[in-house]
Amino acid sequence: MKQIILPFCDITVQINPIAFHLFGVPIYWYAIFIVASLGIAMFAYYKNDKKFGIHYDDILDLSLLLIPISFISARIYYVLFNLQSYTSLSQMLNIKDGGLAIYGGILGGALTAYLFCKKRKISFLSLADYIIPYVSLGQAIGRWGNFVNAEAYGGVTNLPWKMGIHTATGIQYVHPTFLYESIADFLIFLLLIKLSKNRKYEGQILFTYMLTYSFIRFFIEGLRADSLMLGPFRISQIVSAILFIIAIFCMIWLKRKQK
C-alpha cells in the first residue's frame, strides 16, 4: 500500500498498486493505465483510417511488432543504466512496480516502425506523423501509473503543490514531476492534433513532438530524484538535448525541401 500526501488540497491517499485480481492473478494499476493508453490510440487510428495515406490495417500489423518491442526496449534501456540495482534475471524481468524508460521505448519503437515502413514501402515520416500524437497522449496517461507506484518524483520542495511520500527517513515533500510531465504531454498532444489538421510537410508532426517533448523533458528531468545516470550526467537530459538538436535540423531541412 502506498501513501501519498497532497497538502495543497489537504488530502492523504492510500493506494494499492494492485487494482484487483483476475482468476487469482494480480492486475496492477500501472498495467491498466498502459492498456487504456493503447486502447484509446488504436480506436483513434481506426477513426482516422487513411489519414496521411496510412491504412489502419498497416497499423494493426505494425502494432503486433511495435507494442512488445517498445516494452522490451523500454525495460532494457532502464535496466542497462540501472544495473547496480539488480542481482538476478528475475528482478530484471519484473516490471510490476514500474521500471520502463520512455526513451528506450521510443527508440526501439522508432527503429521497428522504420524497418516496417521499408518493407511495406510506406512513408516513415507520414506513418510517424499519423501515430505520434497518441504516443504523447499515452505518455500523459501512463504517468499516472508512476503516481500509483509513488515513483518518478522530484527533489525536496516547499512549493504549494508539493507531494508527500514516505521514504526511509520519513515523510518528504517533493516535486510531483510525474504530474508536470503528464500535463506537458497532454498539452503537446493537443498541439499535435491541431497541427495534424493542416500538416504542411511530411515529418512536421513527428519533429514537433521531438522538439517540444525533448525540451520539456530536459528541464523536468533536472528536478527528478530518480534519474538514470551516466557518470555525473542525467541520461535523459543527454538524450533530450540530442533529440532537440536533431529535430531543429530536420525541421529546417524539410521546410527548405518543401520550398
Protein backbone atom coordinates (compact mmCIF):
# COMPACT_ATOMS: atom_id res chain seq x y z
CA MET A 1 0.00 0.00 0.00
CA LYS A 2 1.37 3.41 -0.98
CA GLN A 3 0.53 6.54 1.00
CA ILE A 4 0.71 9.88 -0.80
CA ILE A 5 0.03 13.24 0.83
CA LEU A 6 -1.31 16.18 -1.17
CA PRO A 7 -1.15 19.12 1.26
CA PHE A 8 -2.36 21.71 -1.25
CA CYS A 9 -5.82 20.12 -1.11
CA ASP A 10 -5.42 18.57 2.36
CA ILE A 11 -5.75 15.00 1.08
CA THR A 12 -3.93 11.83 2.07
CA VAL A 13 -4.49 8.87 -0.23
CA GLN A 14 -3.78 5.21 0.37
CA ILE A 15 -3.23 3.47 -2.95
CA ASN A 16 -2.76 -0.23 -3.55
CA PRO A 17 -0.68 -0.74 -6.72
CA ILE A 18 -2.84 -3.83 -7.36
CA ALA A 19 -6.23 -2.77 -8.75
CA PHE A 20 -7.87 -6.21 -8.49
CA HIS A 21 -7.27 -9.90 -9.01
CA LEU A 22 -8.45 -11.79 -12.07
CA PHE A 23 -8.61 -15.55 -11.57
CA GLY A 24 -6.03 -15.15 -8.83
CA VAL A 25 -3.68 -13.05 -10.97
CA PRO A 26 -2.95 -9.53 -9.65
CA ILE A 27 -3.79 -6.75 -12.12
CA TYR A 28 -1.74 -3.66 -11.45
CA TRP A 29 -2.86 -0.07 -11.96
CA TYR A 30 0.36 0.53 -13.87
CA ALA A 31 -0.70 -2.07 -16.45
CA ILE A 32 -4.25 -0.70 -16.59
CA PHE A 33 -3.02 2.78 -17.50
CA ILE A 34 -0.80 1.33 -20.23
CA VAL A 35 -3.58 -0.82 -21.69
CA ALA A 36 -6.01 2.12 -21.56
CA SER A 37 -3.49 4.24 -23.50
CA LEU A 38 -3.13 1.56 -26.16
CA GLY A 39 -6.89 1.12 -26.44
CA ILE A 40 -7.51 4.84 -26.93
CA ALA A 41 -4.73 5.04 -29.51
CA MET A 42 -5.99 2.08 -31.54
CA PHE A 43 -9.52 3.48 -31.58
CA ALA A 44 -8.20 6.87 -32.74
CA TYR A 45 -6.18 5.23 -35.52
CA TYR A 46 -9.30 3.35 -36.62
CA LYS A 47 -11.30 6.58 -36.77
CA ASN A 48 -8.54 8.27 -38.80
CA ASP A 49 -8.05 5.45 -41.31
CA LYS A 50 -6.16 6.55 -44.46
CA LYS A 51 -5.08 9.85 -42.96
CA PHE A 52 -1.74 10.89 -44.50
CA GLY A 53 -2.14 7.82 -46.73
CA ILE A 54 -1.74 5.39 -43.82
CA HIS A 55 -4.15 2.45 -43.64
CA TYR A 56 -5.46 1.11 -40.36
CA ASP A 57 -4.63 -2.45 -41.45
CA ASP A 58 -0.97 -1.46 -41.62
CA ILE A 59 -1.23 -0.02 -38.12
CA LEU A 60 -2.69 -3.28 -36.84
CA ASP A 61 0.15 -5.27 -38.41
CA LEU A 62 2.74 -2.84 -37.08
CA SER A 63 1.26 -2.89 -33.57
CA LEU A 64 1.90 -6.64 -33.30
CA LEU A 65 5.60 -5.82 -33.50
CA LEU A 66 5.69 -2.31 -32.12
CA ILE A 67 3.95 -2.88 -28.78
CA PRO A 68 6.07 -5.78 -27.47
CA ILE A 69 9.33 -4.40 -28.88
CA SER A 70 8.69 -0.97 -27.35
CA PHE A 71 8.06 -2.53 -23.94
CA ILE A 72 11.14 -4.72 -24.20
CA SER A 73 13.38 -1.87 -25.33
CA ALA A 74 11.98 0.43 -22.61
CA ARG A 75 12.87 -2.21 -20.00
CA ILE A 76 16.30 -2.96 -21.47
CA TYR A 77 17.14 0.75 -21.54
CA TYR A 78 16.10 1.13 -17.89
CA VAL A 79 17.99 -1.96 -16.72
CA LEU A 80 21.19 -1.18 -18.65
CA PHE A 81 21.53 2.21 -17.00
CA ASN A 82 20.48 0.89 -13.58
CA LEU A 83 22.37 -2.42 -13.40
CA GLN A 84 23.59 -1.82 -9.85
CA SER A 85 20.00 -2.22 -8.62
CA TYR A 86 19.60 -5.78 -9.92
CA THR A 87 21.10 -9.01 -8.65
CA SER A 88 19.17 -11.56 -10.71
CA LEU A 89 17.48 -12.04 -14.08
CA SER A 90 14.07 -12.40 -12.40
CA GLN A 91 14.44 -8.89 -10.94
CA MET A 92 15.33 -7.51 -14.36
CA LEU A 93 12.19 -9.07 -15.86
CA ASN A 94 9.86 -7.89 -13.09
CA ILE A 95 8.04 -4.72 -14.19
CA LYS A 96 5.05 -4.84 -11.83
CA ASP A 97 6.43 -1.89 -9.86
CA GLY A 98 7.44 0.12 -12.93
CA GLY A 99 10.91 0.48 -14.37
CA LEU A 100 10.20 1.37 -18.00
CA ALA A 101 12.18 4.18 -19.62
CA ILE A 102 10.13 6.06 -22.20
CA TYR A 103 13.16 7.00 -24.28
CA GLY A 104 14.08 3.33 -24.59
CA GLY A 105 10.56 2.55 -25.80
CA ILE A 106 10.59 5.43 -28.27
CA LEU A 107 13.97 4.48 -29.75
CA GLY A 108 13.06 0.80 -30.05
CA GLY A 109 9.63 1.65 -31.47
CA ALA A 110 11.08 4.13 -33.98
CA LEU A 111 13.56 1.58 -35.33
CA THR A 112 10.82 -1.06 -35.59
CA ALA A 113 8.49 1.34 -37.42
CA TYR A 114 11.26 2.41 -39.81
CA LEU A 115 12.09 -1.19 -40.79
CA PHE A 116 8.37 -1.97 -41.14
CA CYS A 117 7.90 1.01 -43.47
CA LYS A 118 10.89 -0.02 -45.58
CA LYS A 119 9.41 -3.48 -46.06
CA ARG A 120 5.87 -2.25 -46.79
CA LYS A 121 7.09 0.69 -48.91
CA ILE A 122 5.25 3.17 -46.67
CA SER A 123 6.45 6.69 -45.93
CA PHE A 124 8.05 6.52 -42.49
CA LEU A 125 7.54 10.24 -41.88
CA SER A 126 3.83 10.04 -42.72
CA LEU A 127 3.36 6.98 -40.53
CA ALA A 128 5.18 8.73 -37.67
CA ASP A 129 3.01 11.82 -38.14
CA TYR A 130 -0.04 9.55 -38.01
CA ILE A 131 0.80 7.75 -34.76
CA ILE A 132 2.86 10.21 -32.70
CA PRO A 133 0.05 12.40 -31.27
CA TYR A 134 -1.37 9.41 -29.43
CA VAL A 135 2.07 8.41 -28.22
CA SER A 136 2.10 11.75 -26.40
CA LEU A 137 -1.41 11.15 -25.03
CA GLY A 138 -0.33 7.68 -23.91
CA GLN A 139 2.59 9.22 -22.03
CA ALA A 140 0.22 11.65 -20.31
CA ILE A 141 -1.99 8.77 -19.15
CA GLY A 142 0.88 6.43 -18.34
CA ARG A 143 2.50 8.90 -15.93
CA TRP A 144 -0.39 8.26 -13.53
CA GLY A 145 0.96 4.74 -13.20
CA ASN A 146 4.04 6.42 -11.68
CA PHE A 147 1.76 8.23 -9.25
CA VAL A 148 0.16 4.98 -8.09
CA ASN A 149 3.61 3.44 -7.61
CA ALA A 150 4.88 6.59 -5.83
CA GLU A 151 7.79 6.86 -8.26
CA ALA A 152 9.20 9.32 -10.81
CA TYR A 153 9.02 12.12 -8.28
CA GLY A 154 11.39 15.05 -7.88
CA GLY A 155 13.61 16.54 -5.24
CA VAL A 156 12.52 18.12 -1.98
CA THR A 157 10.46 21.31 -2.33
CA ASN A 158 8.25 23.66 -0.31
CA LEU A 159 6.13 24.76 -3.26
CA PRO A 160 2.36 24.87 -2.57
CA TRP A 161 1.70 21.91 -4.89
CA LYS A 162 4.33 19.67 -3.26
CA MET A 163 3.61 15.95 -2.81
CA GLY A 164 4.37 14.00 0.35
CA ILE A 165 5.83 10.49 0.11
CA HIS A 166 7.19 8.00 2.62
CA THR A 167 10.93 7.36 2.42
CA ALA A 168 13.45 5.51 4.57
CA THR A 169 13.99 8.73 6.53
CA GLY A 170 10.30 9.57 6.96
CA ILE A 171 7.87 11.76 5.02
CA GLN A 172 9.44 14.03 2.41
CA TYR A 173 7.69 16.70 0.36
CA VAL A 174 8.84 16.58 -3.24
CA HIS A 175 8.14 17.89 -6.72
CA PRO A 176 5.30 15.86 -8.34
CA THR A 177 7.33 15.54 -11.55
CA PHE A 178 5.03 12.79 -12.81
CA LEU A 179 2.27 15.44 -12.83
CA TYR A 180 4.45 18.06 -14.54
CA GLU A 181 5.15 15.66 -17.38
CA SER A 182 1.60 14.36 -17.60
CA ILE A 183 0.28 17.90 -18.07
CA ALA A 184 3.05 18.76 -20.54
CA ASP A 185 2.44 15.60 -22.57
CA PHE A 186 -1.27 16.34 -22.78
CA LEU A 187 -0.61 19.89 -23.99
CA ILE A 188 1.79 18.51 -26.61
CA PHE A 189 -0.93 16.08 -27.69
CA LEU A 190 -3.37 18.97 -28.20
CA LEU A 191 -0.77 20.88 -30.21
CA LEU A 192 -0.03 17.86 -32.43
CA ILE A 193 -3.73 17.23 -33.08
CA LYS A 194 -4.13 20.84 -34.16
CA LEU A 195 -1.10 20.64 -36.46
CA SER A 196 -2.33 17.38 -38.00
CA LYS A 197 -5.42 19.12 -39.31
CA ASN A 198 -3.29 21.23 -41.61
CA ARG A 199 0.03 19.42 -41.99
CA LYS A 200 2.40 21.42 -44.18
CA TYR A 201 5.05 18.75 -44.86
CA GLU A 202 5.89 15.14 -44.05
CA GLY A 203 7.52 14.85 -40.65
CA GLN A 204 6.07 18.08 -39.26
CA ILE A 205 4.12 16.31 -36.52
CA LEU A 206 6.95 13.93 -35.64
CA PHE A 207 9.62 16.59 -35.32
CA THR A 208 7.31 19.00 -33.49
CA TYR A 209 6.82 16.23 -30.94
CA MET A 210 10.56 15.61 -30.71
CA LEU A 211 11.24 19.33 -30.31
CA THR A 212 8.63 20.03 -27.64
CA TYR A 213 8.93 16.81 -25.65
CA SER A 214 12.73 16.82 -25.51
CA PHE A 215 12.72 20.49 -24.45
CA ILE A 216 10.23 19.89 -21.63
CA ARG A 217 11.76 16.59 -20.54
CA PHE A 218 15.22 18.18 -20.26
CA PHE A 219 14.03 20.57 -17.56
CA ILE A 220 11.69 18.15 -15.78
CA GLU A 221 14.50 15.59 -15.65
CA GLY A 222 16.61 18.14 -13.83
CA LEU A 223 14.07 18.09 -10.98
CA ARG A 224 13.82 14.31 -10.66
CA ALA A 225 15.32 12.39 -7.79
CA ASP A 226 15.49 9.02 -9.55
CA SER A 227 17.22 9.85 -12.84
CA LEU A 228 19.27 7.23 -14.63
CA MET A 229 22.85 8.48 -14.56
CA LEU A 230 25.91 8.19 -16.77
CA GLY A 231 28.68 9.37 -14.50
CA PRO A 232 27.69 12.87 -13.33
CA PHE A 233 25.18 13.33 -16.17
CA ARG A 234 21.48 12.53 -16.33
CA ILE A 235 20.98 10.23 -19.30
CA SER A 236 17.56 11.56 -20.22
CA GLN A 237 18.94 15.09 -20.37
CA ILE A 238 21.67 13.94 -22.76
CA VAL A 239 19.13 12.16 -24.97
CA SER A 240 16.77 15.16 -24.80
CA ALA A 241 19.49 17.56 -25.93
CA ILE A 242 20.44 15.30 -28.85
CA LEU A 243 16.82 14.85 -29.97
CA PHE A 244 16.17 18.59 -29.66
CA ILE A 245 19.09 19.41 -31.97
CA ILE A 246 18.09 16.68 -34.46
CA ALA A 247 14.50 17.97 -34.52
CA ILE A 248 15.61 21.54 -35.27
CA PHE A 249 17.87 20.50 -38.15
CA CYS A 250 15.27 18.13 -39.61
CA MET A 251 12.50 20.74 -39.49
CA ILE A 252 14.73 23.34 -41.18
CA TRP A 253 15.79 20.83 -43.86
CA LEU A 254 12.23 19.63 -44.54
CA LYS A 255 10.90 23.17 -44.81
CA ARG A 256 13.62 24.07 -47.31
CA LYS A 257 12.96 20.87 -49.22
CA GLN A 258 9.27 21.73 -49.43
CA LYS A 259 10.03 25.17 -50.82
